[in-house]
């Protein structure tokens, strides 16, 4: 019986050691990929409080329902806040520049909560329907503090 308990204790200690050694490696691995979303801008009118909303998304950190608030909506070059739905203070900060008012780039760097180490360079493309202000966003992102 003592041998069985001793074997169990040794096996448990070995398992804890393996998990403890692997944990820093898992947390040090950068989450990255390519963001692909579509957004609609029926609430964007060029006035303060203007925003757009994601209606499709390939990432869980910015799901359908995420809002993009524009801080200088009267301009084609505006600071922007990515604000996903749900609890917590999780916002990404960036700047969007659409020289022709329809196509351009958004660059995000940092934020609050889960977006502290967020980086993204997004190509913005108008989807072309003159009846709707729908856009496609696509580009690389990373949650790495090393950028």
C-alpha atoms as a PDB file:
ATOM      1  CA  UNK A   1       0.000   0.000   0.000  1.00  0.00           C
ATOM      2  CA  UNK A   2       2.876   2.364   0.887  1.00  0.00           C
ATOM      3  CA  UNK A   3       4.472   1.671  -2.500  1.00  0.00           C
ATOM      4  CA  UNK A   4       1.224   2.457  -4.286  1.00  0.00           C
ATOM      5  CA  UNK A   5       0.882   5.772  -2.447  1.00  0.00           C
ATOM      6  CA  UNK A   6       4.527   6.592  -3.165  1.00  0.00           C
ATOM      7  CA  UNK A   7       4.074   5.819  -6.894  1.00  0.00           C
ATOM      8  CA  UNK A   8       0.962   7.985  -7.008  1.00  0.00           C
ATOM      9  CA  UNK A   9       2.781  10.862  -5.295  1.00  0.00           C
ATOM     10  CA  UNK A  10       5.741  10.610  -7.711  1.00  0.00           C
ATOM     11  CA  UNK A  11       3.412  10.496 -10.745  1.00  0.00           C
ATOM     12  CA  UNK A  12       1.430  13.506  -9.481  1.00  0.00           C
ATOM     13  CA  UNK A  13       4.622  15.475  -8.848  1.00  0.00           C
ATOM     14  CA  UNK A  14       5.880  14.672 -12.349  1.00  0.00           C
ATOM     15  CA  UNK A  15       2.596  15.775 -13.900  1.00  0.00           C
ATOM     16  CA  UNK A  16       2.654  19.076 -11.998  1.00  0.00           C
ATOM     17  CA  UNK A  17       6.248  19.675 -13.127  1.00  0.00           C
ATOM     18  CA  UNK A  18       5.360  19.101 -16.790  1.00  0.00           C
ATOM     19  CA  UNK A  19       2.334  21.410 -16.619  1.00  0.00           C
ATOM     20  CA  UNK A  20       4.300  24.109 -14.800  1.00  0.00           C
ATOM     21  CA  UNK A  21       7.111  23.936 -17.364  1.00  0.00           C
ATOM     22  CA  UNK A  22       4.727  24.140 -20.334  1.00  0.00           C
ATOM     23  CA  UNK A  23       2.584  27.015 -19.004  1.00  0.00           C
ATOM     24  CA  UNK A  24       5.096  29.814 -19.710  1.00  0.00           C
ATOM     25  CA  UNK A  25       5.583  28.508 -23.247  1.00  0.00           C
ATOM     26  CA  UNK A  26       1.852  28.568 -23.944  1.00  0.00           C
ATOM     27  CA  UNK A  27       1.393  32.064 -22.573  1.00  0.00           C
ATOM     28  CA  UNK A  28       4.459  33.352 -24.468  1.00  0.00           C
ATOM     29  CA  UNK A  29       3.052  32.179 -27.806  1.00  0.00           C
ATOM     30  CA  UNK A  30       1.647  35.153 -29.721  1.00  0.00           C
ATOM     31  CA  UNK A  31      -1.899  34.889 -30.969  1.00  0.00           C
ATOM     32  CA  UNK A  32      -1.924  36.103 -34.547  1.00  0.00           C
ATOM     33  CA  UNK A  33      -3.699  35.629 -37.820  1.00  0.00           C
ATOM     34  CA  UNK A  34      -5.697  37.438 -40.460  1.00  0.00           C
ATOM     35  CA  UNK A  35      -8.803  39.386 -39.510  1.00  0.00           C
ATOM     36  CA  UNK A  36     -11.689  39.170 -42.003  1.00  0.00           C
ATOM     37  CA  UNK A  37     -14.863  41.051 -41.154  1.00  0.00           C
ATOM     38  CA  UNK A  38     -17.719  42.829 -42.863  1.00  0.00           C
ATOM     39  CA  UNK A  39     -19.299  45.850 -41.243  1.00  0.00           C
ATOM     40  CA  UNK A  40     -22.351  47.955 -41.889  1.00  0.00           C
ATOM     41  CA  UNK A  41     -22.403  51.669 -41.258  1.00  0.00           C
ATOM     42  CA  UNK A  42     -26.078  52.623 -41.031  1.00  0.00           C
ATOM     43  CA  UNK A  43     -25.187  54.542 -37.826  1.00  0.00           C
ATOM     44  CA  UNK A  44     -22.401  56.509 -39.504  1.00  0.00           C
ATOM     45  CA  UNK A  45     -23.554  59.963 -40.523  1.00  0.00           C
ATOM     46  CA  UNK A  46     -20.365  62.021 -40.144  1.00  0.00           C
ATOM     47  CA  UNK A  47     -21.457  63.447 -36.797  1.00  0.00           C
ATOM     48  CA  UNK A  48     -20.146  62.765 -33.283  1.00  0.00           C
ATOM     49  CA  UNK A  49     -21.242  59.333 -32.105  1.00  0.00           C
ATOM     50  CA  UNK A  50     -20.988  57.787 -35.571  1.00  0.00           C
ATOM     51  CA  UNK A  51     -20.161  54.097 -35.599  1.00  0.00           C
ATOM     52  CA  UNK A  52     -20.228  50.937 -37.697  1.00  0.00           C
ATOM     53  CA  UNK A  53     -21.040  47.368 -36.597  1.00  0.00           C
ATOM     54  CA  UNK A  54     -19.530  44.027 -37.617  1.00  0.00           C
ATOM     55  CA  UNK A  55     -22.104  41.698 -39.181  1.00  0.00           C
ATOM     56  CA  UNK A  56     -19.611  38.937 -39.992  1.00  0.00           C
ATOM     57  CA  UNK A  57     -16.313  38.058 -38.327  1.00  0.00           C
ATOM     58  CA  UNK A  58     -13.774  35.243 -38.392  1.00  0.00           C
ATOM     59  CA  UNK A  59     -12.394  35.918 -34.877  1.00  0.00           C
ATOM     60  CA  UNK A  60     -13.874  35.443 -31.408  1.00  0.00           C
ATOM     61  CA  UNK A  61     -12.207  38.548 -29.918  1.00  0.00           C
ATOM     62  CA  UNK A  62     -14.174  40.828 -32.281  1.00  0.00           C
ATOM     63  CA  UNK A  63     -17.443  38.946 -32.911  1.00  0.00           C
ATOM     64  CA  UNK A  64     -20.564  39.966 -34.778  1.00  0.00           C
ATOM     65  CA  UNK A  65     -21.948  43.005 -32.955  1.00  0.00           C
ATOM     66  CA  UNK A  66     -18.550  44.657 -32.405  1.00  0.00           C
ATOM     67  CA  UNK A  67     -18.783  48.421 -32.882  1.00  0.00           C
ATOM     68  CA  UNK A  68     -16.174  50.719 -34.388  1.00  0.00           C
ATOM     69  CA  UNK A  69     -16.576  54.231 -33.015  1.00  0.00           C
ATOM     70  CA  UNK A  70     -15.043  57.099 -34.990  1.00  0.00           C
ATOM     71  CA  UNK A  71     -13.774  60.050 -32.967  1.00  0.00           C
ATOM     72  CA  UNK A  72     -13.469  62.489 -35.908  1.00  0.00           C
ATOM     73  CA  UNK A  73     -16.294  61.184 -38.106  1.00  0.00           C
ATOM     74  CA  UNK A  74     -16.471  64.352 -40.185  1.00  0.00           C
ATOM     75  CA  UNK A  75     -13.020  63.515 -41.596  1.00  0.00           C
ATOM     76  CA  UNK A  76     -11.679  60.763 -43.854  1.00  0.00           C
ATOM     77  CA  UNK A  77      -8.880  60.371 -41.282  1.00  0.00           C
ATOM     78  CA  UNK A  78     -10.161  59.502 -37.816  1.00  0.00           C
ATOM     79  CA  UNK A  79      -9.085  57.914 -34.559  1.00  0.00           C
ATOM     80  CA  UNK A  80     -11.142  54.779 -33.963  1.00  0.00           C
ATOM     81  CA  UNK A  81     -12.124  52.527 -31.063  1.00  0.00           C
ATOM     82  CA  UNK A  82     -12.916  48.851 -31.593  1.00  0.00           C
ATOM     83  CA  UNK A  83     -15.510  47.966 -28.935  1.00  0.00           C
ATOM     84  CA  UNK A  84     -16.651  44.331 -28.825  1.00  0.00           C
ATOM     85  CA  UNK A  85     -19.909  43.404 -27.100  1.00  0.00           C
ATOM     86  CA  UNK A  86     -19.893  41.865 -23.655  1.00  0.00           C
ATOM     87  CA  UNK A  87     -18.660  42.680 -20.178  1.00  0.00           C
ATOM     88  CA  UNK A  88     -15.312  44.173 -19.296  1.00  0.00           C
ATOM     89  CA  UNK A  89     -13.175  47.070 -20.384  1.00  0.00           C
ATOM     90  CA  UNK A  90     -11.880  45.608 -23.652  1.00  0.00           C
ATOM     91  CA  UNK A  91     -11.237  48.219 -26.312  1.00  0.00           C
ATOM     92  CA  UNK A  92      -8.619  48.545 -29.074  1.00  0.00           C
ATOM     93  CA  UNK A  93      -7.334  51.947 -30.181  1.00  0.00           C
ATOM     94  CA  UNK A  94      -6.415  52.856 -33.724  1.00  0.00           C
ATOM     95  CA  UNK A  95      -6.580  55.275 -36.596  1.00  0.00           C
ATOM     96  CA  UNK A  96      -8.388  54.900 -39.917  1.00  0.00           C
ATOM     97  CA  UNK A  97      -7.462  56.760 -43.074  1.00  0.00           C
ATOM     98  CA  UNK A  98      -9.767  56.514 -46.093  1.00  0.00           C
ATOM     99  CA  UNK A  99      -8.401  59.061 -48.610  1.00  0.00           C
ATOM    100  CA  UNK A 100     -11.345  58.688 -51.006  1.00  0.00           C
ATOM    101  CA  UNK A 101     -13.858  58.253 -48.166  1.00  0.00           C
ATOM    102  CA  UNK A 102     -14.462  54.611 -49.096  1.00  0.00           C
ATOM    103  CA  UNK A 103     -11.177  52.669 -49.183  1.00  0.00           C
ATOM    104  CA  UNK A 104      -7.992  52.810 -47.149  1.00  0.00           C
ATOM    105  CA  UNK A 105      -6.395  51.429 -43.992  1.00  0.00           C
ATOM    106  CA  UNK A 106      -6.932  51.201 -40.250  1.00  0.00           C
ATOM    107  CA  UNK A 107      -3.972  50.649 -37.929  1.00  0.00           C
ATOM    108  CA  UNK A 108      -4.588  49.531 -34.340  1.00  0.00           C
ATOM    109  CA  UNK A 109      -1.958  49.487 -31.621  1.00  0.00           C
ATOM    110  CA  UNK A 110      -2.846  48.630 -28.051  1.00  0.00           C
ATOM    111  CA  UNK A 111      -5.912  49.144 -25.966  1.00  0.00           C
ATOM    112  CA  UNK A 112      -7.438  48.055 -22.692  1.00  0.00           C
ATOM    113  CA  UNK A 113      -8.121  44.615 -21.220  1.00  0.00           C
ATOM    114  CA  UNK A 114      -7.521  41.845 -23.735  1.00  0.00           C
ATOM    115  CA  UNK A 115      -6.327  44.407 -26.309  1.00  0.00           C
ATOM    116  CA  UNK A 116      -3.334  45.645 -24.265  1.00  0.00           C
ATOM    117  CA  UNK A 117      -0.803  44.127 -26.719  1.00  0.00           C
ATOM    118  CA  UNK A 118      -3.028  44.172 -29.812  1.00  0.00           C
ATOM    119  CA  UNK A 119      -1.640  45.209 -33.200  1.00  0.00           C
ATOM    120  CA  UNK A 120      -3.396  45.155 -36.573  1.00  0.00           C
ATOM    121  CA  UNK A 121      -3.035  46.706 -40.008  1.00  0.00           C
ATOM    122  CA  UNK A 122      -6.351  46.449 -41.813  1.00  0.00           C
ATOM    123  CA  UNK A 123      -7.200  47.123 -45.439  1.00  0.00           C
ATOM    124  CA  UNK A 124     -10.632  48.740 -45.697  1.00  0.00           C
ATOM    125  CA  UNK A 125     -12.662  48.147 -48.873  1.00  0.00           C
ATOM    126  CA  UNK A 126     -16.129  49.456 -49.697  1.00  0.00           C
ATOM    127  CA  UNK A 127     -18.280  46.555 -50.919  1.00  0.00           C
ATOM    128  CA  UNK A 128     -19.646  48.681 -53.755  1.00  0.00           C
ATOM    129  CA  UNK A 129     -23.403  48.715 -53.228  1.00  0.00           C
ATOM    130  CA  UNK A 130     -24.499  52.358 -53.605  1.00  0.00           C
ATOM    131  CA  UNK A 131     -27.550  51.683 -51.394  1.00  0.00           C
ATOM    132  CA  UNK A 132     -25.499  50.558 -48.378  1.00  0.00           C
ATOM    133  CA  UNK A 133     -22.383  51.634 -46.515  1.00  0.00           C
ATOM    134  CA  UNK A 134     -20.981  48.124 -46.113  1.00  0.00           C
ATOM    135  CA  UNK A 135     -17.244  47.516 -45.908  1.00  0.00           C
ATOM    136  CA  UNK A 136     -14.812  44.612 -45.764  1.00  0.00           C
ATOM    137  CA  UNK A 137     -11.850  44.680 -43.370  1.00  0.00           C
ATOM    138  CA  UNK A 138      -8.929  42.330 -43.872  1.00  0.00           C
ATOM    139  CA  UNK A 139      -5.409  42.217 -42.540  1.00  0.00           C
ATOM    140  CA  UNK A 140      -2.906  40.748 -40.127  1.00  0.00           C
ATOM    141  CA  UNK A 141      -3.286  41.006 -36.367  1.00  0.00           C
ATOM    142  CA  UNK A 142      -1.241  39.997 -33.355  1.00  0.00           C
ATOM    143  CA  UNK A 143      -1.600  40.023 -29.583  1.00  0.00           C
ATOM    144  CA  UNK A 144       2.169  40.030 -29.081  1.00  0.00           C
ATOM    145  CA  UNK A 145       3.941  42.498 -26.768  1.00  0.00           C
ATOM    146  CA  UNK A 146       7.070  42.220 -28.928  1.00  0.00           C
ATOM    147  CA  UNK A 147       5.826  44.376 -31.815  1.00  0.00           C
END
